[in-house]
């Protein structure tokens, strides 16, 4: 007799890295053992989620949106509770802060354990003390209730313990992981930038701190006339005008390419041909773009924040620079642009880092084991 499958309900606002994460989990887990359902927003993605056999998995769309909206959020919670009561699942996996609130509350009501992966805690995005206190209070209120905090990096787990007050016994780590990237596909968009460039993936936002990157580029170009390609200028770009104004002020308009959201294959192509990958982020969970850069054998120069510091070993596969240290970023970028042998060594180490730690083909078994403990 065939064993019943474990039914996992994923709750999320399906954009960006969170969307990538869930798609990779669903695609790489064993569909003979696990049956996935995706509970997400009505307007976030229209692309179906496929399992390891290429079959579309079930979806339920509700009012999940990125920003806080008391009415929409309560409606999402009630709809999710109603759906889970009619369609019983063995476990909820909630992704990101919004998915965490909805998934955890729904799980408590219907009596289903919840695994929560923050992908960067919500309070880190707050730019004033009141918002930060509010978001942190919500995270603390839900901490240690009805399941497990499954951090995407060791530094995210440490933050969960020290700031959100999770108990050590209620946390674990499953690092964000991707499939090997091969072969590199041709671009599907026109190439409008020169052959010599560095790149980043990240919308102009408080989190990604692109203004600092523009200032770094200004300093680097005093030594190397390098171009910067910024990918992901499509959703939630609250600081796009600020970035454009600074670029114009520093006379860098011709040295910067801003690309809207495009196919991931295009992103891989662009990273693969760049001199290096650059991240000036203020906070992260475990950034997929840096993992992708490692998989593509690219040295990285990154800010010292959660996730970045887990992925990049300073002086081995890249450099980790103190946040807001323009001189530090400039020095490390210039060093890699000047020393081809150093770049080659870092490139080799980047690929080794990926294969050893972030290949989902190897790591998915660990997540499946965690799922089995809670179903």
Protein backbone atom coordinates (compact mmCIF):
# COMPACT_ATOMS: atom_id res chain seq x y z
CA UNK A 1 0.00 0.00 0.00
CA UNK A 2 1.34 3.43 -0.96
CA UNK A 3 2.33 5.63 1.98
CA UNK A 4 0.35 8.90 2.30
CA UNK A 5 2.31 11.99 1.34
CA UNK A 6 3.18 14.75 3.81
CA UNK A 7 1.22 17.86 2.80
CA UNK A 8 3.18 21.10 3.20
CA UNK A 9 1.46 24.50 2.85
CA UNK A 10 3.83 27.36 1.95
CA UNK A 11 2.61 30.85 2.90
CA UNK A 12 4.28 33.87 1.32
CA UNK A 13 4.16 37.04 -0.75
CA UNK A 14 5.76 35.49 -3.80
CA UNK A 15 8.30 37.99 -5.13
CA UNK A 16 12.09 38.26 -5.24
CA UNK A 17 14.23 35.87 -3.26
CA UNK A 18 11.27 34.45 -1.36
CA UNK A 19 9.68 33.37 -4.63
CA UNK A 20 12.98 31.82 -5.76
CA UNK A 21 13.33 29.96 -2.47
CA UNK A 22 9.91 28.31 -2.58
CA UNK A 23 10.23 27.36 -6.25
CA UNK A 24 13.55 25.64 -5.58
CA UNK A 25 12.18 23.76 -2.58
CA UNK A 26 9.13 22.55 -4.47
CA UNK A 27 11.13 21.62 -7.57
CA UNK A 28 13.83 19.68 -5.71
CA UNK A 29 11.96 17.88 -2.92
CA UNK A 30 10.69 14.34 -3.46
CA UNK A 31 7.10 14.55 -4.72
CA UNK A 32 6.58 10.88 -3.85
CA UNK A 33 6.94 11.89 -0.19
CA UNK A 34 5.86 15.54 -0.06
CA UNK A 35 2.87 17.33 -1.59
CA UNK A 36 3.18 21.11 -1.68
CA UNK A 37 0.53 23.82 -1.76
CA UNK A 38 1.42 27.48 -2.33
CA UNK A 39 -0.67 30.09 -0.50
CA UNK A 40 0.29 33.50 -1.86
CA UNK A 41 -0.95 36.90 -3.05
CA UNK A 42 -3.38 37.45 -5.87
CA UNK A 43 -1.09 39.82 -7.72
CA UNK A 44 2.47 38.72 -6.89
CA UNK A 45 3.18 35.99 -9.47
CA UNK A 46 1.26 34.35 -12.28
CA UNK A 47 3.94 31.72 -12.99
CA UNK A 48 2.96 28.23 -11.81
CA UNK A 49 5.05 26.31 -9.29
CA UNK A 50 6.38 22.97 -10.56
CA UNK A 51 7.44 19.89 -8.60
CA UNK A 52 10.34 17.53 -9.36
CA UNK A 53 8.29 15.85 -12.10
CA UNK A 54 7.44 19.15 -13.80
CA UNK A 55 3.82 19.01 -12.61
CA UNK A 56 2.05 22.14 -11.35
CA UNK A 57 1.35 22.08 -7.62
CA UNK A 58 -1.82 23.42 -6.01
CA UNK A 59 -2.11 27.15 -5.34
CA UNK A 60 -4.45 29.24 -3.24
CA UNK A 61 -4.43 33.01 -3.81
CA UNK A 62 -5.53 35.47 -1.17
CA UNK A 63 -4.93 39.11 -0.16
CA UNK A 64 -1.26 38.81 0.82
CA UNK A 65 0.57 42.05 -0.06
CA UNK A 66 4.03 43.40 0.75
CA UNK A 67 3.11 46.43 2.86
CA UNK A 68 1.23 46.38 6.15
CA UNK A 69 -2.54 46.77 5.68
CA UNK A 70 -4.65 45.85 8.69
CA UNK A 71 -7.72 45.08 6.59
CA UNK A 72 -5.92 43.06 3.91
CA UNK A 73 -3.72 41.24 6.42
CA UNK A 74 -6.66 40.18 8.60
CA UNK A 75 -8.52 39.07 5.49
CA UNK A 76 -5.48 37.01 4.42
CA UNK A 77 -5.28 35.35 7.83
CA UNK A 78 -8.99 34.50 7.84
CA UNK A 79 -8.89 33.20 4.26
CA UNK A 80 -5.84 31.07 5.01
CA UNK A 81 -7.49 29.61 8.12
CA UNK A 82 -10.63 28.83 6.13
CA UNK A 83 -8.62 27.18 3.34
CA UNK A 84 -6.56 25.05 5.73
CA UNK A 85 -9.66 23.90 7.59
CA UNK A 86 -11.22 22.72 4.32
CA UNK A 87 -7.92 21.34 3.01
CA UNK A 88 -5.95 19.83 5.92
CA UNK A 89 -2.15 19.95 5.73
CA UNK A 90 0.49 18.33 7.93
CA UNK A 91 2.77 21.36 8.17
CA UNK A 92 2.98 25.06 7.28
CA UNK A 93 6.20 26.60 6.00
CA UNK A 94 5.89 30.39 6.28
CA UNK A 95 8.34 32.53 4.32
CA UNK A 96 9.34 36.15 5.07
CA UNK A 97 7.82 38.41 7.71
CA UNK A 98 4.38 38.75 6.11
CA UNK A 99 4.12 35.02 5.44
CA UNK A 100 5.33 34.41 8.99
CA UNK A 101 2.55 36.42 10.63
CA UNK A 102 -0.17 34.90 8.45
CA UNK A 103 1.19 31.36 8.57
CA UNK A 104 1.90 31.30 12.30
CA UNK A 105 -1.50 32.67 13.33
CA UNK A 106 -3.31 30.36 10.91
CA UNK A 107 -1.27 27.41 12.16
CA UNK A 108 -2.15 28.11 15.78
CA UNK A 109 -5.85 28.34 14.94
CA UNK A 110 -6.03 25.13 12.88
CA UNK A 111 -3.58 23.24 15.10
CA UNK A 112 -0.78 22.72 12.56
CA UNK A 113 2.91 23.23 13.32
CA UNK A 114 4.60 26.10 11.51
CA UNK A 115 8.16 26.42 10.27
CA UNK A 116 9.10 30.08 9.79
CA UNK A 117 11.95 31.31 7.54
CA UNK A 118 12.29 35.12 7.90
CA UNK A 119 14.63 35.79 4.96
CA UNK A 120 15.68 38.95 6.91
CA UNK A 121 13.53 40.00 9.86
CA UNK A 122 10.95 42.71 9.19
CA UNK A 123 12.24 45.17 11.78
CA UNK A 124 15.54 45.49 9.93
CA UNK A 125 13.71 47.38 7.18
CA UNK A 126 12.35 50.04 9.56
CA UNK A 127 13.91 53.46 9.11
CA UNK A 128 12.51 54.97 12.31
CA UNK A 129 12.45 53.79 15.92
CA UNK A 130 8.66 53.52 16.20
CA UNK A 131 8.33 51.21 13.21
CA UNK A 132 11.33 49.18 14.32
CA UNK A 133 9.81 48.75 17.80
CA UNK A 134 6.45 47.74 16.32
CA UNK A 135 7.89 45.20 13.89
CA UNK A 136 10.26 43.76 16.49
CA UNK A 137 7.41 43.48 19.01
CA UNK A 138 5.34 41.47 16.51
CA UNK A 139 8.29 39.15 15.81
CA UNK A 140 8.86 38.65 19.56
CA UNK A 141 5.16 38.03 20.20
CA UNK A 142 5.14 35.21 17.68
CA UNK A 143 8.53 33.79 18.66
CA UNK A 144 8.69 30.30 20.19
CA UNK A 145 5.04 29.60 19.36
CA UNK A 146 3.84 26.50 17.54
CA UNK A 147 6.94 25.42 15.68
CA UNK A 148 10.44 26.21 14.47
CA UNK A 149 12.44 29.24 13.35
CA UNK A 150 14.33 27.95 10.31
CA UNK A 151 16.99 30.55 9.61
CA UNK A 152 18.47 30.95 6.14
CA UNK A 153 21.94 31.64 7.56
CA UNK A 154 23.92 31.25 10.78
CA UNK A 155 23.94 35.02 11.31
CA UNK A 156 20.15 35.16 10.91
CA UNK A 157 19.84 32.43 13.53
CA UNK A 158 22.12 34.40 15.87
CA UNK A 159 19.93 37.48 15.41
CA UNK A 160 16.85 35.38 16.17
CA UNK A 161 18.42 34.26 19.46
CA UNK A 162 19.90 37.58 20.59
CA UNK A 163 17.29 40.11 19.44
CA UNK A 164 13.99 38.29 18.86
CA UNK A 165 14.51 36.04 21.90
CA UNK A 166 13.99 32.67 20.28
CA UNK A 167 15.06 29.72 22.36
CA UNK A 168 17.96 27.80 20.90
CA UNK A 169 15.86 24.62 20.91
CA UNK A 170 13.29 26.35 18.68
CA UNK A 171 15.74 27.28 15.92
CA UNK A 172 17.62 25.52 13.13
CA UNK A 173 19.37 26.48 9.90
CA UNK A 174 18.65 25.57 6.31
CA UNK A 175 20.87 27.78 4.15
CA UNK A 176 19.37 29.19 0.98
CA UNK A 177 20.56 26.92 -1.80
CA UNK A 178 20.29 26.83 -5.58
CA UNK A 179 20.80 24.45 -8.46
CA UNK A 180 24.10 24.48 -10.36
CA UNK A 181 23.90 27.08 -13.15
CA UNK A 182 24.79 25.42 -16.42
CA UNK A 183 24.94 26.08 -19.23
CA UNK A 184 24.77 29.88 -19.47
CA UNK A 185 21.90 30.88 -21.74
CA UNK A 186 22.12 33.73 -24.29
CA UNK A 187 20.64 37.08 -23.32
CA UNK A 188 16.98 37.62 -24.17
CA UNK A 189 17.34 41.40 -23.87
CA UNK A 190 19.49 43.89 -25.83
CA UNK A 191 23.00 44.39 -24.39
CA UNK A 192 23.37 48.14 -23.88
CA UNK A 193 26.42 48.17 -21.59
CA UNK A 194 30.16 47.75 -22.33
CA UNK A 195 32.07 44.48 -21.96
CA UNK A 196 34.06 45.67 -18.94
CA UNK A 197 31.66 45.93 -16.00
CA UNK A 198 30.83 44.97 -12.43
CA UNK A 199 27.28 44.16 -11.36
CA UNK A 200 24.72 43.81 -8.63
CA UNK A 201 21.15 42.55 -8.22
CA UNK A 202 18.92 44.68 -6.04
CA UNK A 203 16.14 47.19 -6.32
CA UNK A 204 16.95 50.79 -5.31
CA UNK A 205 15.71 50.55 -1.73
CA UNK A 206 16.76 51.23 1.83
CA UNK A 207 17.83 47.59 2.18
CA UNK A 208 20.14 47.45 -0.83
CA UNK A 209 21.75 50.87 -0.18
CA UNK A 210 22.41 51.51 -3.87
CA UNK A 211 23.32 55.14 -3.20
CA UNK A 212 26.45 53.94 -1.39
CA UNK A 213 27.27 51.73 -4.37
CA UNK A 214 27.07 54.74 -6.69
CA UNK A 215 29.48 56.62 -4.41
CA UNK A 216 31.85 53.64 -4.48
CA UNK A 217 31.67 53.55 -8.28
CA UNK A 218 32.55 57.24 -8.38
CA UNK A 219 35.71 56.55 -6.38
CA UNK A 220 36.65 53.37 -8.28
CA UNK A 221 36.42 55.16 -11.62
CA UNK A 222 39.22 57.49 -10.56
CA UNK A 223 41.44 54.42 -11.10
CA UNK A 224 39.43 52.08 -13.35
CA UNK A 225 36.90 53.27 -15.94
CA UNK A 226 34.54 50.41 -15.08
CA UNK A 227 30.79 50.26 -15.77
CA UNK A 228 28.10 49.21 -13.24
CA UNK A 229 25.06 47.12 -14.19
CA UNK A 230 22.24 47.16 -11.61
CA UNK A 231 19.64 44.44 -12.12
CA UNK A 232 16.23 44.17 -10.48
CA UNK A 233 14.95 47.72 -10.88
CA UNK A 234 11.33 46.68 -11.11
CA UNK A 235 9.39 46.21 -7.87
CA UNK A 236 9.29 48.32 -4.70
CA UNK A 237 11.88 50.81 -5.94
CA UNK A 238 11.24 53.54 -3.39
CA UNK A 239 14.67 55.13 -3.85
CA UNK A 240 14.99 54.95 -7.62
CA UNK A 241 14.79 58.72 -8.07
CA UNK A 242 17.39 59.21 -5.34
CA UNK A 243 19.74 56.82 -7.16
CA UNK A 244 19.14 58.53 -10.50
CA UNK A 245 19.71 61.98 -9.00
CA UNK A 246 22.97 60.93 -7.33
CA UNK A 247 24.15 59.27 -10.53
CA UNK A 248 23.50 62.48 -12.42
CA UNK A 249 25.11 64.63 -9.72
CA UNK A 250 28.31 62.55 -9.85
CA UNK A 251 28.29 62.57 -13.66
CA UNK A 252 27.89 58.77 -13.80
CA UNK A 253 24.79 58.47 -15.98
CA UNK A 254 26.78 56.94 -18.84
CA UNK A 255 28.60 54.60 -16.42
CA UNK A 256 25.51 53.00 -14.89
CA UNK A 257 22.91 50.69 -16.48
CA UNK A 258 19.61 50.22 -14.62
CA UNK A 259 17.82 47.06 -15.76
CA UNK A 260 14.21 46.19 -14.94
CA UNK A 261 13.28 42.72 -13.75
CA UNK A 262 14.24 40.21 -16.42
CA UNK A 263 14.57 36.45 -16.78
CA UNK A 264 16.84 34.73 -14.28
CA UNK A 265 18.79 33.32 -17.21
CA UNK A 266 19.63 36.91 -18.19
CA UNK A 267 20.75 37.65 -14.64
CA UNK A 268 23.04 34.59 -14.73
CA UNK A 269 24.45 35.62 -18.10
CA UNK A 270 25.25 39.13 -16.86
CA UNK A 271 26.84 37.95 -13.62
CA UNK A 272 28.90 35.33 -15.45
CA UNK A 273 30.55 37.95 -17.69
CA UNK A 274 31.16 40.56 -14.98
CA UNK A 275 34.49 41.29 -13.33
CA UNK A 276 33.00 40.86 -9.87
CA UNK A 277 29.76 41.04 -7.89
CA UNK A 278 29.10 43.93 -5.51
CA UNK A 279 26.68 44.19 -2.56
CA UNK A 280 26.34 47.23 -0.28
CA UNK A 281 23.20 45.96 1.49
CA UNK A 282 22.29 47.16 4.96
CA UNK A 283 20.70 43.81 5.81
CA UNK A 284 19.98 40.42 4.25
CA UNK A 285 18.82 36.96 5.23
CA UNK A 286 20.91 34.89 2.82
CA UNK A 287 21.05 36.66 -0.57
CA UNK A 288 20.44 34.46 -3.59
CA UNK A 289 22.34 36.83 -5.86
CA UNK A 290 25.56 36.26 -3.91
CA UNK A 291 24.99 32.47 -3.93
CA UNK A 292 24.45 32.68 -7.69
CA UNK A 293 27.67 34.64 -8.05
CA UNK A 294 29.57 31.94 -6.17
CA UNK A 295 27.99 29.28 -8.39
CA UNK A 296 29.15 31.32 -11.40
CA UNK A 297 32.70 31.52 -10.01
CA UNK A 298 32.58 35.26 -9.37
CA UNK A 299 34.53 36.96 -6.57
CA UNK A 300 32.30 39.19 -4.44
CA UNK A 301 32.83 42.39 -2.50
CA UNK A 302 30.03 42.64 0.06
CA UNK A 303 28.90 44.60 3.10
CA UNK A 304 29.25 43.04 6.53
CA UNK A 305 25.63 42.07 7.20
CA UNK A 306 23.68 38.88 7.90
CA UNK A 307 23.95 36.42 5.04
CA UNK A 308 26.76 38.27 3.26
CA UNK A 309 29.22 37.45 6.00
CA UNK A 310 28.13 33.79 5.93
CA UNK A 311 28.64 33.44 2.18
CA UNK A 312 31.87 35.40 1.71
CA UNK A 313 35.04 34.40 3.51
CA UNK A 314 37.17 37.52 3.58
CA UNK A 315 40.29 37.08 1.48
CA UNK A 316 39.20 33.67 0.14
CA UNK A 317 36.26 34.04 -2.27
CA UNK A 318 35.86 37.78 -1.93
CA UNK A 319 35.97 40.58 0.60
CA UNK A 320 33.67 41.61 3.43
CA UNK A 321 33.68 45.37 4.08
CA UNK A 322 32.25 47.35 6.99
CA UNK A 323 28.92 48.91 6.15
CA UNK A 324 29.09 52.46 4.76
CA UNK A 325 32.89 52.24 4.38
CA UNK A 326 33.29 53.85 0.95
CA UNK A 327 37.09 53.77 1.14
CA UNK A 328 37.07 50.09 2.13
CA UNK A 329 34.79 49.12 -0.77
CA UNK A 330 36.85 51.19 -3.18
CA UNK A 331 40.11 49.59 -2.07
CA UNK A 332 38.82 46.01 -2.45
CA UNK A 333 37.13 46.59 -5.81
CA UNK A 334 40.26 48.27 -7.15
CA UNK A 335 42.41 45.41 -5.85
CA UNK A 336 40.36 42.78 -7.70
CA UNK A 337 40.21 44.86 -10.87
CA UNK A 338 43.98 45.29 -10.80
CA UNK A 339 45.11 41.74 -9.98
CA UNK A 340 44.01 39.08 -12.47
CA UNK A 341 45.71 36.25 -10.59
CA UNK A 342 43.93 37.18 -7.37
CA UNK A 343 40.63 37.27 -9.25
CA UNK A 344 41.27 33.80 -10.68
CA UNK A 345 42.06 32.38 -7.24
CA UNK A 346 38.91 33.90 -5.76
CA UNK A 347 36.87 32.60 -8.69
CA UNK A 348 38.06 29.05 -8.08
CA UNK A 349 37.31 29.36 -4.36
CA UNK A 350 33.88 30.81 -5.09
CA UNK A 351 32.88 27.73 -7.06
CA UNK A 352 34.23 25.45 -4.33
CA UNK A 353 32.24 27.40 -1.71
CA UNK A 354 29.07 26.89 -3.68
CA UNK A 355 29.51 23.17 -4.26
CA UNK A 356 30.42 22.51 -0.63
CA UNK A 357 27.63 24.50 0.98
CA UNK A 358 24.84 25.85 -1.24
CA UNK A 359 23.95 23.22 -3.84
CA UNK A 360 20.28 22.38 -3.30
CA UNK A 361 20.74 19.01 -4.99
CA UNK A 362 22.80 18.06 -1.94
CA UNK A 363 21.01 20.12 0.72
CA UNK A 364 17.36 19.29 0.04
CA UNK A 365 17.60 16.06 2.04
CA UNK A 366 18.34 18.13 5.15
CA UNK A 367 15.17 20.17 4.66
CA UNK A 368 13.12 17.02 4.06
CA UNK A 369 14.45 15.64 7.35
CA UNK A 370 13.36 18.82 9.15
CA UNK A 371 9.92 18.55 7.58
CA UNK A 372 9.58 14.94 8.79
CA UNK A 373 10.33 16.00 12.38
CA UNK A 374 7.35 18.37 12.41
CA UNK A 375 4.64 16.70 10.32
